[in-house]
PDB file of N, CA and C in Angstrom:
ATOM      1  N   MET A   1     -15.181 -51.668  26.725  1.00  0.00           N
ATOM      2  CA  MET A   1     -14.685 -50.313  27.082  1.00  0.00           C
ATOM      3  C   MET A   1     -14.934 -50.104  28.537  1.00  0.00           C
ATOM      4  N   LYS A   2     -13.858 -49.786  29.256  1.00  0.00           N
ATOM      5  CA  LYS A   2     -14.026 -49.517  30.717  1.00  0.00           C
ATOM      6  C   LYS A   2     -14.484 -48.087  30.877  1.00  0.00           C
ATOM      7  N   THR A   3     -15.437 -47.934  31.743  1.00  0.00           N
ATOM      8  CA  THR A   3     -16.024 -46.571  31.985  1.00  0.00           C
ATOM      9  C   THR A   3     -15.822 -46.163  33.419  1.00  0.00           C
ATOM     10  N   MET A   4     -15.821 -44.889  33.640  1.00  0.00           N
ATOM     11  CA  MET A   4     -15.616 -44.363  34.974  1.00  0.00           C
ATOM     12  C   MET A   4     -16.444 -43.023  35.097  1.00  0.00           C
ATOM     13  N   PRO A   5     -17.315 -42.895  36.073  1.00  0.00           N
ATOM     14  CA  PRO A   5     -18.072 -41.683  36.213  1.00  0.00           C
ATOM     15  C   PRO A   5     -17.116 -40.555  36.666  1.00  0.00           C
ATOM     16  N   ILE A   6     -17.334 -39.409  36.083  1.00  0.00           N
ATOM     17  CA  ILE A   6     -16.548 -38.275  36.450  1.00  0.00           C
ATOM     18  C   ILE A   6     -17.472 -37.085  36.829  1.00  0.00           C
ATOM     19  N   PRO A   7     -17.289 -36.569  38.029  1.00  0.00           N
ATOM     20  CA  PRO A   7     -18.162 -35.456  38.413  1.00  0.00           C
ATOM     21  C   PRO A   7     -17.700 -34.195  37.643  1.00  0.00           C
ATOM     22  N   LEU A   8     -18.663 -33.551  37.053  1.00  0.00           N
ATOM     23  CA  LEU A   8     -18.352 -32.381  36.190  1.00  0.00           C
ATOM     24  C   LEU A   8     -19.471 -31.379  36.350  1.00  0.00           C
ATOM     25  N   VAL A   9     -19.039 -30.130  36.678  1.00  0.00           N
ATOM     26  CA  VAL A   9     -19.971 -29.027  36.793  1.00  0.00           C
ATOM     27  C   VAL A   9     -20.241 -28.514  35.413  1.00  0.00           C
ATOM     28  N   ILE A  10     -21.477 -28.536  34.964  1.00  0.00           N
ATOM     29  CA  ILE A  10     -21.855 -28.057  33.621  1.00  0.00           C
ATOM     30  C   ILE A  10     -22.823 -26.918  33.788  1.00  0.00           C
ATOM     31  N   PRO A  11     -22.580 -25.757  33.200  1.00  0.00           N
ATOM     32  CA  PRO A  11     -23.461 -24.610  33.276  1.00  0.00           C
ATOM     33  C   PRO A  11     -24.837 -24.963  32.751  1.00  0.00           C
ATOM     34  N   ALA A  12     -25.802 -24.254  33.256  1.00  0.00           N
ATOM     35  CA  ALA A  12     -27.232 -24.470  32.905  1.00  0.00           C
ATOM     36  C   ALA A  12     -27.475 -24.283  31.448  1.00  0.00           C
ATOM     37  N   ASP A  13     -26.881 -23.330  30.784  1.00  0.00           N
ATOM     38  CA  ASP A  13     -27.121 -23.139  29.365  1.00  0.00           C
ATOM     39  C   ASP A  13     -26.666 -24.343  28.513  1.00  0.00           C
ATOM     40  N   LEU A  14     -25.536 -24.945  28.880  1.00  0.00           N
ATOM     41  CA  LEU A  14     -25.011 -26.140  28.200  1.00  0.00           C
ATOM     42  C   LEU A  14     -25.894 -27.318  28.463  1.00  0.00           C
ATOM     43  N   ARG A  15     -26.364 -27.458  29.720  1.00  0.00           N
ATOM     44  CA  ARG A  15     -27.228 -28.541  30.062  1.00  0.00           C
ATOM     45  C   ARG A  15     -28.514 -28.476  29.205  1.00  0.00           C
ATOM     46  N   SER A  16     -29.073 -27.272  29.098  1.00  0.00           N
ATOM     47  CA  SER A  16     -30.334 -27.106  28.299  1.00  0.00           C
ATOM     48  C   SER A  16     -30.136 -27.467  26.850  1.00  0.00           C
ATOM     49  N   ARG A  17     -28.992 -27.028  26.306  1.00  0.00           N
ATOM     50  CA  ARG A  17     -28.648 -27.306  24.883  1.00  0.00           C
ATOM     51  C   ARG A  17     -28.496 -28.827  24.688  1.00  0.00           C
ATOM     52  N   VAL A  18     -27.898 -29.488  25.628  1.00  0.00           N
ATOM     53  CA  VAL A  18     -27.711 -30.965  25.568  1.00  0.00           C
ATOM     54  C   VAL A  18     -29.100 -31.621  25.614  1.00  0.00           C
ATOM     55  N   ALA A  19     -29.974 -31.191  26.533  1.00  0.00           N
ATOM     56  CA  ALA A  19     -31.277 -31.778  26.662  1.00  0.00           C
ATOM     57  C   ALA A  19     -32.018 -31.584  25.352  1.00  0.00           C
ATOM     58  N   GLY A  20     -31.946 -30.401  24.747  1.00  0.00           N
ATOM     59  CA  GLY A  20     -32.671 -30.162  23.510  1.00  0.00           C
ATOM     60  C   GLY A  20     -32.143 -31.006  22.379  1.00  0.00           C
ATOM     61  N   ILE A  21     -30.856 -31.169  22.287  1.00  0.00           N
ATOM     62  CA  ILE A  21     -30.280 -32.090  21.218  1.00  0.00           C
ATOM     63  C   ILE A  21     -30.772 -33.543  21.464  1.00  0.00           C
ATOM     64  N   ALA A  22     -30.748 -33.988  22.750  1.00  0.00           N
ATOM     65  CA  ALA A  22     -31.160 -35.375  23.088  1.00  0.00           C
ATOM     66  C   ALA A  22     -32.615 -35.537  22.685  1.00  0.00           C
ATOM     67  N   ARG A  23     -33.471 -34.554  22.898  1.00  0.00           N
ATOM     68  CA  ARG A  23     -34.956 -34.712  22.540  1.00  0.00           C
ATOM     69  C   ARG A  23     -35.033 -34.776  21.016  1.00  0.00           C
ATOM     70  N   LYS A  24     -34.371 -33.911  20.256  1.00  0.00           N
ATOM     71  CA  LYS A  24     -34.447 -33.949  18.885  1.00  0.00           C
ATOM     72  C   LYS A  24     -33.968 -35.242  18.224  1.00  0.00           C
ATOM     73  N   ALA A  25     -32.842 -35.792  18.823  1.00  0.00           N
ATOM     74  CA  ALA A  25     -32.234 -36.943  18.265  1.00  0.00           C
ATOM     75  C   ALA A  25     -32.809 -38.263  18.898  1.00  0.00           C
ATOM     76  N   ASN A  26     -33.739 -38.072  19.802  1.00  0.00           N
ATOM     77  CA  ASN A  26     -34.331 -39.234  20.540  1.00  0.00           C
ATOM     78  C   ASN A  26     -33.205 -40.112  21.063  1.00  0.00           C
ATOM     79  N   ALA A  27     -32.275 -39.414  21.791  1.00  0.00           N
ATOM     80  CA  ALA A  27     -31.093 -40.106  22.338  1.00  0.00           C
ATOM     81  C   ALA A  27     -31.045 -39.725  23.805  1.00  0.00           C
ATOM     82  N   LYS A  28     -30.192 -40.493  24.521  1.00  0.00           N
ATOM     83  CA  LYS A  28     -29.910 -40.157  25.945  1.00  0.00           C
ATOM     84  C   LYS A  28     -28.970 -38.948  25.985  1.00  0.00           C
ATOM     85  N   GLN A  29     -29.172 -38.190  27.123  1.00  0.00           N
ATOM     86  CA  GLN A  29     -28.233 -37.110  27.256  1.00  0.00           C
ATOM     87  C   GLN A  29     -26.815 -37.549  27.438  1.00  0.00           C
ATOM     88  N   ALA A  30     -26.597 -38.655  28.086  1.00  0.00           N
ATOM     89  CA  ALA A  30     -25.228 -39.177  28.309  1.00  0.00           C
ATOM     90  C   ALA A  30     -24.567 -39.404  26.952  1.00  0.00           C
ATOM     91  N   GLU A  31     -25.314 -39.956  25.915  1.00  0.00           N
ATOM     92  CA  GLU A  31     -24.743 -40.209  24.619  1.00  0.00           C
ATOM     93  C   GLU A  31     -24.416 -38.842  23.897  1.00  0.00           C
ATOM     94  N   VAL A  32     -25.169 -37.865  24.141  1.00  0.00           N
ATOM     95  CA  VAL A  32     -24.968 -36.521  23.570  1.00  0.00           C
ATOM     96  C   VAL A  32     -23.675 -35.977  24.167  1.00  0.00           C
ATOM     97  N   TYR A  33     -23.511 -36.093  25.477  1.00  0.00           N
ATOM     98  CA  TYR A  33     -22.268 -35.663  26.113  1.00  0.00           C
ATOM     99  C   TYR A  33     -21.055 -36.344  25.575  1.00  0.00           C
ATOM    100  N   ARG A  34     -21.145 -37.708  25.484  1.00  0.00           N
ATOM    101  CA  ARG A  34     -20.016 -38.497  24.993  1.00  0.00           C
ATOM    102  C   ARG A  34     -19.645 -38.109  23.539  1.00  0.00           C
ATOM    103  N   MET A  35     -20.664 -37.917  22.737  1.00  0.00           N
ATOM    104  CA  MET A  35     -20.379 -37.590  21.333  1.00  0.00           C
ATOM    105  C   MET A  35     -19.780 -36.142  21.223  1.00  0.00           C
ATOM    106  N   ALA A  36     -20.310 -35.241  22.006  1.00  0.00           N
ATOM    107  CA  ALA A  36     -19.746 -33.920  22.038  1.00  0.00           C
ATOM    108  C   ALA A  36     -18.281 -33.877  22.443  1.00  0.00           C
ATOM    109  N   ILE A  37     -17.949 -34.641  23.487  1.00  0.00           N
ATOM    110  CA  ILE A  37     -16.579 -34.783  23.929  1.00  0.00           C
ATOM    111  C   ILE A  37     -15.732 -35.357  22.749  1.00  0.00           C
ATOM    112  N   ARG A  38     -16.180 -36.466  22.158  1.00  0.00           N
ATOM    113  CA  ARG A  38     -15.376 -37.057  21.112  1.00  0.00           C
ATOM    114  C   ARG A  38     -15.122 -36.111  19.980  1.00  0.00           C
ATOM    115  N   CYS A  39     -16.253 -35.403  19.510  1.00  0.00           N
ATOM    116  CA  CYS A  39     -16.087 -34.455  18.413  1.00  0.00           C
ATOM    117  C   CYS A  39     -15.275 -33.182  18.724  1.00  0.00           C
ATOM    118  N   GLY A  40     -15.349 -32.853  20.009  1.00  0.00           N
ATOM    119  CA  GLY A  40     -14.701 -31.626  20.417  1.00  0.00           C
ATOM    120  C   GLY A  40     -13.279 -31.753  20.891  1.00  0.00           C
ATOM    121  N   LEU A  41     -12.788 -32.921  21.055  1.00  0.00           N
ATOM    122  CA  LEU A  41     -11.461 -33.175  21.581  1.00  0.00           C
ATOM    123  C   LEU A  41     -10.408 -32.630  20.601  1.00  0.00           C
ATOM    124  N   PRO A  42     -10.487 -32.884  19.310  1.00  0.00           N
ATOM    125  CA  PRO A  42      -9.427 -32.288  18.454  1.00  0.00           C
ATOM    126  C   PRO A  42      -9.348 -30.759  18.533  1.00  0.00           C
ATOM    127  N   GLU A  43     -10.500 -30.141  18.563  1.00  0.00           N
ATOM    128  CA  GLU A  43     -10.494 -28.665  18.737  1.00  0.00           C
ATOM    129  C   GLU A  43      -9.928 -28.263  20.044  1.00  0.00           C
ATOM    130  N   ALA A  44     -10.251 -28.942  21.085  1.00  0.00           N
ATOM    131  CA  ALA A  44      -9.766 -28.591  22.417  1.00  0.00           C
ATOM    132  C   ALA A  44      -8.210 -28.823  22.460  1.00  0.00           C
ATOM    133  N   GLU A  45      -7.780 -29.819  21.838  1.00  0.00           N
ATOM    134  CA  GLU A  45      -6.287 -30.105  21.816  1.00  0.00           C
ATOM    135  C   GLU A  45      -5.616 -28.945  21.070  1.00  0.00           C
ATOM    136  N   LYS A  46      -6.162 -28.457  19.927  1.00  0.00           N
ATOM    137  CA  LYS A  46      -5.541 -27.432  19.155  1.00  0.00           C
ATOM    138  C   LYS A  46      -5.457 -26.173  20.017  1.00  0.00           C
ATOM    139  N   ARG A  47      -6.555 -25.883  20.745  1.00  0.00           N
ATOM    140  CA  ARG A  47      -6.544 -24.654  21.550  1.00  0.00           C
ATOM    141  C   ARG A  47      -5.679 -24.659  22.829  1.00  0.00           C
ATOM    142  N   LEU A  48      -5.568 -25.870  23.393  1.00  0.00           N
ATOM    143  CA  LEU A  48      -4.891 -26.020  24.703  1.00  0.00           C
ATOM    144  C   LEU A  48      -3.430 -26.459  24.657  1.00  0.00           C
ATOM    145  N   VAL A  49      -3.072 -27.221  23.710  1.00  0.00           N
ATOM    146  CA  VAL A  49      -1.764 -27.765  23.667  1.00  0.00           C
ATOM    147  C   VAL A  49      -0.829 -26.854  22.817  1.00  0.00           C
ATOM    148  N   ALA A  50       0.238 -26.532  23.376  1.00  0.00           N
ATOM    149  CA  ALA A  50       1.151 -25.641  22.765  1.00  0.00           C
ATOM    150  C   ALA A  50       2.085 -26.405  21.823  1.00  0.00           C
ATOM    151  N   ASP A  51       2.012 -26.142  20.536  1.00  0.00           N
ATOM    152  CA  ASP A  51       2.865 -26.768  19.611  1.00  0.00           C
ATOM    153  C   ASP A  51       3.884 -25.829  19.050  1.00  0.00           C
ATOM    154  N   THR A  52       3.984 -24.653  19.642  1.00  0.00           N
ATOM    155  CA  THR A  52       4.943 -23.646  19.121  1.00  0.00           C
ATOM    156  C   THR A  52       6.294 -23.837  19.702  1.00  0.00           C
ATOM    157  N   GLY A  53       6.475 -24.595  20.722  1.00  0.00           N
ATOM    158  CA  GLY A  53       7.703 -24.715  21.435  1.00  0.00           C
ATOM    159  C   GLY A  53       8.056 -23.583  22.294  1.00  0.00           C
ATOM    160  N   ARG A  54       7.023 -22.623  22.378  1.00  0.00           N
ATOM    161  CA  ARG A  54       7.274 -21.441  23.301  1.00  0.00           C
ATOM    162  C   ARG A  54       6.711 -21.855  24.675  1.00  0.00           C
ATOM    163  N   LEU A  55       7.290 -21.273  25.684  1.00  0.00           N
ATOM    164  CA  LEU A  55       6.870 -21.561  27.083  1.00  0.00           C
ATOM    165  C   LEU A  55       5.427 -21.011  27.354  1.00  0.00           C
ATOM    166  N   PHE A  56       5.111 -19.858  26.861  1.00  0.00           N
ATOM    167  CA  PHE A  56       3.875 -19.239  27.035  1.00  0.00           C
ATOM    168  C   PHE A  56       3.288 -18.931  25.599  1.00  0.00           C
ATOM    169  N   PRO A  57       2.632 -19.914  25.037  1.00  0.00           N
ATOM    170  CA  PRO A  57       2.161 -19.748  23.619  1.00  0.00           C
ATOM    171  C   PRO A  57       1.113 -18.698  23.452  1.00  0.00           C
ATOM    172  N   ASN A  58       0.397 -18.328  24.521  1.00  0.00           N
ATOM    173  CA  ASN A  58      -0.683 -17.345  24.423  1.00  0.00           C
ATOM    174  C   ASN A  58      -0.205 -15.952  24.571  1.00  0.00           C
ATOM    175  N   ILE A  59       1.112 -15.741  24.801  1.00  0.00           N
ATOM    176  CA  ILE A  59       1.700 -14.438  24.986  1.00  0.00           C
ATOM    177  C   ILE A  59       2.659 -14.149  23.778  1.00  0.00           C
ATOM    178  N   GLU A  60       2.406 -13.159  23.025  1.00  0.00           N
ATOM    179  CA  GLU A  60       3.253 -12.825  21.904  1.00  0.00           C
ATOM    180  C   GLU A  60       4.578 -12.466  22.371  1.00  0.00           C
ATOM    181  N   PRO A  61       5.662 -12.821  21.659  1.00  0.00           N
ATOM    182  CA  PRO A  61       6.978 -12.426  22.055  1.00  0.00           C
ATOM    183  C   PRO A  61       7.183 -10.907  21.857  1.00  0.00           C
ATOM    184  N   VAL A  62       8.140 -10.367  22.592  1.00  0.00           N
ATOM    185  CA  VAL A  62       8.452  -8.924  22.503  1.00  0.00           C
ATOM    186  C   VAL A  62       9.154  -8.735  21.146  1.00  0.00           C
ATOM    187  N   PRO A  63       8.745  -7.732  20.328  1.00  0.00           N
ATOM    188  CA  PRO A  63       9.390  -7.521  19.018  1.00  0.00           C
ATOM    189  C   PRO A  63      10.873  -7.191  19.189  1.00  0.00           C
ATOM    190  N   ARG A  64      11.657  -7.556  18.229  1.00  0.00           N
ATOM    191  CA  ARG A  64      13.129  -7.383  18.294  1.00  0.00           C
ATOM    192  C   ARG A  64      13.516  -5.974  18.428  1.00  0.00           C
ATOM    193  N   ARG A  65      12.875  -5.050  17.760  1.00  0.00           N
ATOM    194  CA  ARG A  65      13.215  -3.630  17.896  1.00  0.00           C
ATOM    195  C   ARG A  65      12.977  -3.131  19.346  1.00  0.00           C
ATOM    196  N   VAL A  66      12.002  -3.649  20.025  1.00  0.00           N
ATOM    197  CA  VAL A  66      11.776  -3.279  21.407  1.00  0.00           C
ATOM    198  C   VAL A  66      12.893  -3.748  22.333  1.00  0.00           C
ATOM    199  N   LEU A  67      13.303  -5.025  22.125  1.00  0.00           N
ATOM    200  CA  LEU A  67      14.329  -5.604  22.858  1.00  0.00           C
ATOM    201  C   LEU A  67      15.685  -4.826  22.622  1.00  0.00           C
ATOM    202  N   ASP A  68      15.894  -4.474  21.316  1.00  0.00           N
ATOM    203  CA  ASP A  68      17.133  -3.726  21.017  1.00  0.00           C
ATOM    204  C   ASP A  68      17.070  -2.366  21.799  1.00  0.00           C
ATOM    205  N   ARG A  69      15.898  -1.699  21.844  1.00  0.00           N
ATOM    206  CA  ARG A  69      15.847  -0.401  22.518  1.00  0.00           C
ATOM    207  C   ARG A  69      16.131  -0.637  23.957  1.00  0.00           C
ATOM    208  N   TRP A  70      15.582  -1.667  24.574  1.00  0.00           N
ATOM    209  CA  TRP A  70      15.702  -1.902  26.008  1.00  0.00           C
ATOM    210  C   TRP A  70      17.182  -2.183  26.388  1.00  0.00           C
ATOM    211  N   TYR A  71      17.793  -3.122  25.568  1.00  0.00           N
ATOM    212  CA  TYR A  71      19.085  -3.635  25.936  1.00  0.00           C
ATOM    213  C   TYR A  71      20.261  -2.853  25.331  1.00  0.00           C
ATOM    214  N   ARG A  72      20.010  -2.011  24.469  1.00  0.00           N
ATOM    215  CA  ARG A  72      21.100  -1.257  23.855  1.00  0.00           C
ATOM    216  C   ARG A  72      21.098   0.195  24.288  1.00  0.00           C
ATOM    217  N   SER A  73      20.660   0.476  25.393  1.00  0.00           N
ATOM    218  CA  SER A  73      20.644   1.827  25.914  1.00  0.00           C
ATOM    219  C   SER A  73      22.043   2.171  26.324  1.00  0.00           C
ATOM    220  N   LYS A  74      22.370   3.389  26.726  1.00  0.00           N
ATOM    221  CA  LYS A  74      23.679   3.824  27.071  1.00  0.00           C
ATOM    222  C   LYS A  74      24.195   3.010  28.241  1.00  0.00           C
ATOM    223  N   ALA A  75      23.319   2.887  29.263  1.00  0.00           N
ATOM    224  CA  ALA A  75      23.700   2.071  30.418  1.00  0.00           C
ATOM    225  C   ALA A  75      24.103   0.624  29.989  1.00  0.00           C
ATOM    226  N   SER A  76      23.404   0.087  29.160  1.00  0.00           N
ATOM    227  CA  SER A  76      23.608  -1.224  28.722  1.00  0.00           C
ATOM    228  C   SER A  76      24.986  -1.346  27.994  1.00  0.00           C
ATOM    229  N   LYS A  77      25.295  -0.363  27.109  1.00  0.00           N
ATOM    230  CA  LYS A  77      26.564  -0.369  26.381  1.00  0.00           C
ATOM    231  C   LYS A  77      27.733  -0.290  27.380  1.00  0.00           C
ATOM    232  N   GLU A  78      27.642   0.578  28.426  1.00  0.00           N
ATOM    233  CA  GLU A  78      28.635   0.676  29.421  1.00  0.00           C
ATOM    234  C   GLU A  78      28.786  -0.665  30.192  1.00  0.00           C
ATOM    235  N   TRP A  79      27.659  -1.265  30.491  1.00  0.00           N
ATOM    236  CA  TRP A  79      27.775  -2.457  31.202  1.00  0.00           C
ATOM    237  C   TRP A  79      28.443  -3.594  30.410  1.00  0.00           C
ATOM    238  N   ASP A  80      28.075  -3.597  29.029  1.00  0.00           N
ATOM    239  CA  ASP A  80      28.714  -4.563  28.108  1.00  0.00           C
ATOM    240  C   ASP A  80      30.239  -4.408  28.145  1.00  0.00           C
ATOM    241  N   GLU A  81      30.767  -3.173  28.214  1.00  0.00           N
ATOM    242  CA  GLU A  81      32.228  -3.002  28.241  1.00  0.00           C
ATOM    243  C   GLU A  81      32.770  -3.528  29.596  1.00  0.00           C
ATOM    244  N   VAL A  82      32.055  -3.255  30.749  1.00  0.00           N
ATOM    245  CA  VAL A  82      32.485  -3.792  32.012  1.00  0.00           C
ATOM    246  C   VAL A  82      32.481  -5.321  31.969  1.00  0.00           C
ATOM    247  N   GLU A  83      31.443  -5.879  31.471  1.00  0.00           N
ATOM    248  CA  GLU A  83      31.319  -7.335  31.385  1.00  0.00           C
ATOM    249  C   GLU A  83      32.401  -7.963  30.550  1.00  0.00           C
ATOM    250  N   ALA A  84      32.662  -7.332  29.378  1.00  0.00           N
ATOM    251  CA  ALA A  84      33.754  -7.814  28.554  1.00  0.00           C
ATOM    252  C   ALA A  84      35.080  -7.743  29.232  1.00  0.00           C
ATOM    253  N   ALA A  85      35.418  -6.676  29.940  1.00  0.00           N
ATOM    254  CA  ALA A  85      36.707  -6.579  30.645  1.00  0.00           C
ATOM    255  C   ALA A  85      36.747  -7.621  31.757  1.00  0.00           C
ATOM    256  N   ALA A  86      35.675  -7.866  32.467  1.00  0.00           N
ATOM    257  CA  ALA A  86      35.688  -8.860  33.512  1.00  0.00           C
ATOM    258  C   ALA A  86      35.903 -10.237  32.973  1.00  0.00           C
ATOM    259  N   THR A  87      35.370 -10.502  31.779  1.00  0.00           N
ATOM    260  CA  THR A  87      35.569 -11.823  31.196  1.00  0.00           C
ATOM    261  C   THR A  87      36.941 -12.049  30.759  1.00  0.00           C
ATOM    262  N   ARG A  88      37.534 -10.992  30.186  1.00  0.00           N
ATOM    263  CA  ARG A  88      38.952 -11.102  29.762  1.00  0.00           C
ATOM    264  C   ARG A  88      39.893 -11.284  30.936  1.00  0.00           C
ATOM    265  N   ALA A  89      39.509 -10.652  32.068  1.00  0.00           N
ATOM    266  CA  ALA A  89      40.416 -10.756  33.264  1.00  0.00           C
ATOM    267  C   ALA A  89      40.371 -12.119  33.951  1.00  0.00           C
ATOM    268  N   GLN A  90      39.388 -12.943  33.667  1.00  0.00           N
ATOM    269  CA  GLN A  90      39.342 -14.241  34.272  1.00  0.00           C
ATOM    270  C   GLN A  90      40.423 -15.164  33.764  1.00  0.00           C
ATOM    271  N   SER A  91      40.928 -16.058  34.648  1.00  0.00           N
ATOM    272  CA  SER A  91      41.911 -17.031  34.180  1.00  0.00           C
ATOM    273  C   SER A  91      41.210 -18.279  33.748  1.00  0.00           C
ATOM    274  N   VAL A  92      41.874 -18.996  32.943  1.00  0.00           N
ATOM    275  CA  VAL A  92      41.294 -20.288  32.468  1.00  0.00           C
ATOM    276  C   VAL A  92      41.385 -21.298  33.590  1.00  0.00           C
ATOM    277  N   PRO A  93      40.309 -21.931  33.959  1.00  0.00           N
ATOM    278  CA  PRO A  93      40.381 -22.861  35.072  1.00  0.00           C
ATOM    279  C   PRO A  93      41.166 -24.129  34.668  1.00  0.00           C
ATOM    280  N   ARG A  94      42.026 -24.632  35.617  1.00  0.00           N
ATOM    281  CA  ARG A  94      42.803 -25.799  35.300  1.00  0.00           C
ATOM    282  C   ARG A  94      42.295 -26.883  36.276  1.00  0.00           C
ATOM    283  N   ILE A  95      42.019 -28.012  35.668  1.00  0.00           N
ATOM    284  CA  ILE A  95      41.539 -29.166  36.475  1.00  0.00           C
ATOM    285  C   ILE A  95      42.767 -30.057  36.638  1.00  0.00           C
ATOM    286  N   GLU A  96      43.252 -30.153  37.796  1.00  0.00           N
ATOM    287  CA  GLU A  96      44.422 -31.025  38.054  1.00  0.00           C
ATOM    288  C   GLU A  96      43.980 -32.322  38.642  1.00  0.00           C
ATOM    289  N   GLU A  97      44.574 -33.413  38.176  1.00  0.00           N
ATOM    290  CA  GLU A  97      44.214 -34.700  38.639  1.00  0.00           C
ATOM    291  C   GLU A  97      44.809 -34.990  40.020  1.00  0.00           C
TER     292      GLU A  97
END
């Protein structure tokens, strides 16, 4: 197994917990760190990786009734009519060879 040292800032409270575990287990602190990383990777992946397909998985989507209230206001209905008329007025583009 190829290894590579990685500089990592670890808070004092975590360092003291690792040292305590290493003393209890009669193991090296490096081994405790490696085991903690191996055991914690699945949990870190669940928390960090978005599997919902949403761009911002940590932000709840706006409820449908709120969207309807925002976009179905009087001004919005008037704009919908203008937009529909403008769409009907456009000609079909012709691509000539």
